[in-house]
């Protein structure tokens, strides 16, 4: 959800990607409402077909009035350009496509400036279902020119960006070899060697998400694949973040959590958790 059609940012709209499994045409669609989010919603086609089940994220470039959309679609990473930024109508006009990676899709997308050049980059996990490995980062040179760099490490189906020692450009995720959750320190250049640091326990199917508590980033983890490990827990940074982080179990019975949403903590309260396929559980 974002303001894909409303420059005043008072009336949000929604982008939804669909898969082709077990049947259907797939595609990506824009849903707008009649002025009230509790009223009627109308769907508009951005892409009429293609397996677009995995992640979509909004991304806005300098000079844009409206967000564009980055999506894992048709086993590619595609930027769908909002026609509202060039004088068109997001509802009726074509959203042109820029293929950012033609060699594989992703299960999770995060948007952040990793290399510190002031431009948003696209951080992508691997994808078991799509056969994409390893994870990778798309570094932005311009909105139409991107450099793909594999890594860091070999992370599986989830990934996030965290702040360690002030800089918001460290990467966290579950290792593909089932050895645990790791965070990686940015090496100072796009193609440098990232330093791997053990964060906590979890298998390659663990879902991760980062938030902020007491001025430091924490990482929430949840079981999303058998064998179930740990349920729902969060990890906080120790005095030396290169040492294993301090884990606290929230609920050991959580299972099949597909995505976690977080918010700033003002106390020891978990803001939001969303279940995925399987047993859906969510608490606030």
Protein backbone atom coordinates (compact mmCIF):
# COMPACT_ATOMS: atom_id res chain seq x y z
CA UNK A 1 0.00 0.00 0.00
CA UNK A 2 1.25 3.45 -0.94
CA UNK A 3 0.11 6.63 -2.67
CA UNK A 4 0.54 5.36 -6.23
CA UNK A 5 -2.13 7.67 -7.67
CA UNK A 6 -2.60 10.45 -5.09
CA UNK A 7 0.04 13.19 -4.94
CA UNK A 8 -1.63 14.72 -1.88
CA UNK A 9 -0.97 11.47 0.02
CA UNK A 10 -4.48 11.37 1.48
CA UNK A 11 -5.98 8.45 -0.42
CA UNK A 12 -3.83 5.29 -0.59
CA UNK A 13 -3.94 2.59 -3.25
CA UNK A 14 -2.67 -0.97 -3.36
CA UNK A 15 -0.42 -2.99 -5.67
CA UNK A 16 -0.98 -6.77 -5.70
CA UNK A 17 1.01 -9.43 -7.54
CA UNK A 18 -0.57 -12.79 -8.40
CA UNK A 19 0.97 -16.18 -9.06
CA UNK A 20 0.05 -18.71 -11.70
CA UNK A 21 -0.19 -21.63 -9.26
CA UNK A 22 -2.17 -23.82 -9.19
CA UNK A 23 -3.92 -22.00 -12.04
CA UNK A 24 -4.54 -18.51 -13.30
CA UNK A 25 -2.81 -15.94 -15.46
CA UNK A 26 -0.90 -14.15 -12.70
CA UNK A 27 0.10 -10.53 -13.29
CA UNK A 28 0.24 -7.32 -11.27
CA UNK A 29 -2.72 -5.09 -10.52
CA UNK A 30 -3.35 -1.64 -9.05
CA UNK A 31 -6.37 -1.25 -6.77
CA UNK A 32 -7.81 2.19 -6.10
CA UNK A 33 -10.71 3.11 -3.85
CA UNK A 34 -13.59 5.55 -4.26
CA UNK A 35 -12.24 7.98 -1.68
CA UNK A 36 -12.61 5.83 1.40
CA UNK A 37 -10.51 2.79 2.23
CA UNK A 38 -13.67 1.16 3.60
CA UNK A 39 -15.56 1.80 0.35
CA UNK A 40 -15.46 0.17 -3.06
CA UNK A 41 -12.13 -0.80 -4.65
CA UNK A 42 -11.48 -1.13 -8.39
CA UNK A 43 -8.72 -3.16 -9.99
CA UNK A 44 -6.58 -1.86 -12.87
CA UNK A 45 -4.13 -4.00 -14.86
CA UNK A 46 -0.42 -3.16 -14.74
CA UNK A 47 0.67 -6.54 -16.13
CA UNK A 48 -1.94 -9.00 -17.38
CA UNK A 49 0.06 -12.23 -16.98
CA UNK A 50 3.19 -13.78 -15.56
CA UNK A 51 4.08 -15.49 -12.28
CA UNK A 52 4.29 -12.50 -9.92
CA UNK A 53 3.58 -14.28 -6.64
CA UNK A 54 6.70 -13.18 -4.78
CA UNK A 55 7.58 -9.79 -3.31
CA UNK A 56 6.72 -6.30 -4.60
CA UNK A 57 8.02 -3.04 -3.12
CA UNK A 58 7.43 0.65 -3.88
CA UNK A 59 10.45 2.73 -4.86
CA UNK A 60 10.60 6.46 -5.52
CA UNK A 61 13.42 8.20 -7.37
CA UNK A 62 14.41 11.89 -7.10
CA UNK A 63 11.94 14.02 -9.05
CA UNK A 64 9.15 11.43 -8.84
CA UNK A 65 5.72 12.42 -7.60
CA UNK A 66 4.53 8.84 -7.26
CA UNK A 67 6.20 5.56 -6.26
CA UNK A 68 7.19 3.05 -8.89
CA UNK A 69 7.08 -0.70 -8.23
CA UNK A 70 9.91 -3.24 -8.01
CA UNK A 71 8.60 -6.79 -8.37
CA UNK A 72 9.82 -10.35 -8.60
CA UNK A 73 7.87 -11.39 -11.67
CA UNK A 74 8.37 -13.95 -14.44
CA UNK A 75 11.60 -15.13 -12.74
CA UNK A 76 13.04 -11.64 -13.14
CA UNK A 77 13.38 -8.46 -11.11
CA UNK A 78 11.34 -5.83 -12.94
CA UNK A 79 10.87 -2.12 -12.32
CA UNK A 80 7.39 -0.97 -13.30
CA UNK A 81 7.54 2.75 -14.01
CA UNK A 82 4.56 4.76 -12.77
CA UNK A 83 3.19 6.80 -15.71
CA UNK A 84 2.07 9.48 -13.28
CA UNK A 85 5.69 10.62 -13.03
CA UNK A 86 5.79 11.50 -16.74
CA UNK A 87 2.42 13.21 -17.03
CA UNK A 88 0.37 10.06 -17.60
CA UNK A 89 -2.44 8.41 -15.68
CA UNK A 90 -1.44 5.51 -13.37
CA UNK A 91 -4.90 3.98 -13.74
CA UNK A 92 -5.36 4.05 -17.51
CA UNK A 93 -1.86 4.32 -19.01
CA UNK A 94 0.83 1.67 -19.49
CA UNK A 95 3.40 1.14 -16.77
CA UNK A 96 6.59 0.64 -18.79
CA UNK A 97 8.98 -2.09 -17.64
CA UNK A 98 12.70 -2.00 -16.93
CA UNK A 99 14.22 -5.45 -16.37
CA UNK A 100 16.79 -5.06 -13.60
CA UNK A 101 17.79 -8.74 -13.39
CA UNK A 102 16.91 -11.21 -16.12
CA UNK A 103 18.51 -14.28 -14.54
CA UNK A 104 16.31 -14.91 -11.49
CA UNK A 105 13.57 -13.65 -9.21
CA UNK A 106 13.56 -13.40 -5.43
CA UNK A 107 11.51 -14.32 -2.38
CA UNK A 108 12.18 -11.09 -0.47
CA UNK A 109 13.02 -7.52 -1.53
CA UNK A 110 14.37 -4.73 0.66
CA UNK A 111 15.05 -1.16 -0.47
CA UNK A 112 17.98 0.74 1.07
CA UNK A 113 21.09 2.73 0.18
CA UNK A 114 23.74 0.08 0.79
CA UNK A 115 26.84 1.71 -0.72
CA UNK A 116 26.20 5.20 0.71
CA UNK A 117 25.99 7.05 -2.61
CA UNK A 118 22.58 8.56 -1.82
CA UNK A 119 20.75 6.25 -4.25
CA UNK A 120 18.35 3.48 -3.30
CA UNK A 121 19.58 -0.05 -3.96
CA UNK A 122 17.55 -3.28 -4.12
CA UNK A 123 18.49 -6.15 -1.79
CA UNK A 124 17.17 -9.55 -2.90
CA UNK A 125 17.10 -12.90 -1.14
CA UNK A 126 17.45 -16.25 -2.84
CA UNK A 127 14.26 -18.13 -3.70
CA UNK A 128 13.84 -21.84 -3.12
CA UNK A 129 10.63 -22.05 -5.14
CA UNK A 130 12.09 -20.13 -8.10
CA UNK A 131 15.46 -21.87 -7.97
CA UNK A 132 17.31 -18.55 -7.57
CA UNK A 133 20.65 -18.75 -5.76
CA UNK A 134 22.56 -17.02 -4.32
CA UNK A 135 21.04 -13.83 -2.92
CA UNK A 136 22.13 -10.60 -4.60
CA UNK A 137 22.10 -6.81 -4.48
CA UNK A 138 21.15 -4.51 -7.36
CA UNK A 139 23.16 -1.31 -6.92
CA UNK A 140 21.66 1.75 -8.57
CA UNK A 141 23.78 3.93 -10.83
CA UNK A 142 20.70 5.56 -12.36
CA UNK A 143 17.03 4.45 -12.39
CA UNK A 144 17.77 2.75 -15.73
CA UNK A 145 21.26 1.42 -14.92
CA UNK A 146 21.98 -1.11 -12.16
CA UNK A 147 24.91 -3.32 -11.15
CA UNK A 148 24.13 -6.81 -9.86
CA UNK A 149 26.51 -8.21 -7.23
CA UNK A 150 26.00 -11.65 -5.68
CA UNK A 151 25.91 -12.06 -1.91
CA UNK A 152 26.71 -11.30 0.77
CA UNK A 153 27.25 -14.85 1.92
CA UNK A 154 24.78 -17.49 0.87
CA UNK A 155 21.41 -16.55 2.37
CA UNK A 156 18.13 -18.28 1.67
CA UNK A 157 14.55 -17.03 1.35
CA UNK A 158 14.57 -13.96 3.60
CA UNK A 159 16.78 -10.94 4.06
CA UNK A 160 16.73 -7.50 5.68
CA UNK A 161 18.88 -4.42 6.15
CA UNK A 162 19.94 -3.40 9.66
CA UNK A 163 21.96 -0.69 11.39
CA UNK A 164 25.08 -1.76 13.25
CA UNK A 165 27.40 0.89 14.71
CA UNK A 166 25.25 3.62 13.17
CA UNK A 167 25.32 2.74 9.46
CA UNK A 168 22.10 1.32 7.99
CA UNK A 169 23.75 -0.95 5.45
CA UNK A 170 24.38 -4.29 7.14
CA UNK A 171 22.57 -7.37 5.79
CA UNK A 172 20.92 -10.08 7.88
CA UNK A 173 19.37 -13.41 6.89
CA UNK A 174 19.26 -17.21 7.31
CA UNK A 175 22.16 -19.22 5.92
CA UNK A 176 21.36 -21.64 3.11
CA UNK A 177 23.38 -24.36 4.86
CA UNK A 178 21.03 -24.32 7.91
CA UNK A 179 23.83 -23.14 10.23
CA UNK A 180 21.92 -20.16 11.64
CA UNK A 181 21.11 -16.48 11.21
CA UNK A 182 24.00 -14.19 10.25
CA UNK A 183 24.58 -10.50 9.74
CA UNK A 184 27.14 -9.11 7.33
CA UNK A 185 29.06 -5.84 7.64
CA UNK A 186 29.28 -3.75 4.46
CA UNK A 187 32.89 -3.94 3.25
CA UNK A 188 33.17 -0.35 2.01
CA UNK A 189 32.76 -1.16 -1.68
CA UNK A 190 30.21 -2.94 -3.84
CA UNK A 191 32.46 -5.87 -4.70
CA UNK A 192 34.37 -6.13 -1.42
CA UNK A 193 34.29 -9.12 0.93
CA UNK A 194 31.53 -8.91 3.53
CA UNK A 195 32.39 -10.01 7.08
CA UNK A 196 30.01 -12.71 8.40
CA UNK A 197 28.87 -12.61 12.03
CA UNK A 198 26.72 -15.22 13.77
CA UNK A 199 23.52 -13.70 15.17
CA UNK A 200 21.40 -16.62 16.41
CA UNK A 201 19.80 -19.99 15.71
CA UNK A 202 17.51 -20.77 12.79
CA UNK A 203 17.34 -22.91 9.68
CA UNK A 204 17.40 -21.74 6.08
CA UNK A 205 13.63 -21.27 6.06
CA UNK A 206 13.63 -18.74 8.90
CA UNK A 207 11.78 -15.47 8.34
CA UNK A 208 13.60 -12.31 9.48
CA UNK A 209 12.73 -8.65 9.93
CA UNK A 210 14.48 -5.71 11.57
CA UNK A 211 13.17 -2.93 13.78
CA UNK A 212 14.46 -0.37 16.27
CA UNK A 213 14.34 -0.46 20.07
CA UNK A 214 16.10 1.95 22.42
CA UNK A 215 18.11 3.38 19.53
CA UNK A 216 19.45 0.05 18.30
CA UNK A 217 18.20 -2.31 15.62
CA UNK A 218 16.81 -5.65 16.73
CA UNK A 219 16.03 -8.67 14.54
CA UNK A 220 12.83 -10.73 14.81
CA UNK A 221 12.99 -14.31 13.57
CA UNK A 222 10.21 -16.85 13.06
CA UNK A 223 9.92 -20.44 11.89
CA UNK A 224 8.74 -20.81 8.31
CA UNK A 225 10.04 -24.25 7.36
CA UNK A 226 10.42 -27.65 8.99
CA UNK A 227 12.16 -28.64 11.14
CA UNK A 228 10.59 -25.88 13.24
CA UNK A 229 13.21 -24.05 15.30
CA UNK A 230 12.53 -21.47 17.95
CA UNK A 231 9.03 -20.29 17.04
CA UNK A 232 8.88 -16.48 17.22
CA UNK A 233 11.79 -14.68 18.89
CA UNK A 234 13.75 -11.47 18.75
CA UNK A 235 17.46 -10.70 19.06
CA UNK A 236 19.01 -7.53 20.44
CA UNK A 237 22.54 -6.30 19.91
CA UNK A 238 25.12 -6.98 22.63
CA UNK A 239 27.85 -4.49 23.49
CA UNK A 240 29.98 -6.23 20.86
CA UNK A 241 27.63 -6.93 17.91
CA UNK A 242 30.15 -9.34 16.38
CA UNK A 243 29.31 -11.74 19.21
CA UNK A 244 26.06 -13.80 19.23
CA UNK A 245 23.08 -11.53 19.86
CA UNK A 246 20.81 -11.74 22.90
CA UNK A 247 17.75 -13.87 22.10
CA UNK A 248 14.31 -13.66 23.70
CA UNK A 249 11.51 -16.10 22.84
CA UNK A 250 8.13 -14.45 22.23
CA UNK A 251 6.14 -17.63 21.47
CA UNK A 252 7.80 -20.99 20.83
CA UNK A 253 4.66 -22.38 19.14
CA UNK A 254 4.67 -20.06 16.10
CA UNK A 255 4.85 -21.91 12.77
CA UNK A 256 4.84 -21.10 9.05
CA UNK A 257 5.32 -17.34 9.39
CA UNK A 258 5.83 -16.05 5.87
CA UNK A 259 6.55 -12.36 6.53
CA UNK A 260 7.04 -10.20 9.60
CA UNK A 261 6.20 -6.50 9.77
CA UNK A 262 7.86 -4.41 12.47
CA UNK A 263 7.67 -0.91 13.84
CA UNK A 264 9.68 1.17 16.28
CA UNK A 265 9.50 -0.19 19.81
CA UNK A 266 8.97 2.18 22.73
CA UNK A 267 8.91 -0.75 25.13
CA UNK A 268 9.04 -4.56 25.06
CA UNK A 269 6.00 -5.02 22.81
CA UNK A 270 5.93 -6.77 19.45
CA UNK A 271 4.07 -4.57 16.97
CA UNK A 272 2.95 -6.94 14.26
CA UNK A 273 3.50 -10.34 12.81
CA UNK A 274 1.82 -11.81 9.73
CA UNK A 275 1.51 -15.50 8.98
CA UNK A 276 2.10 -17.00 5.58
CA UNK A 277 1.13 -20.31 4.02
CA UNK A 278 0.28 -22.99 6.53
CA UNK A 279 -0.84 -22.09 10.04
CA UNK A 280 -1.61 -18.37 10.01
CA UNK A 281 -1.00 -16.62 13.28
CA UNK A 282 -0.80 -12.93 14.02
CA UNK A 283 -0.62 -10.96 17.25
CA UNK A 284 -0.24 -7.36 18.20
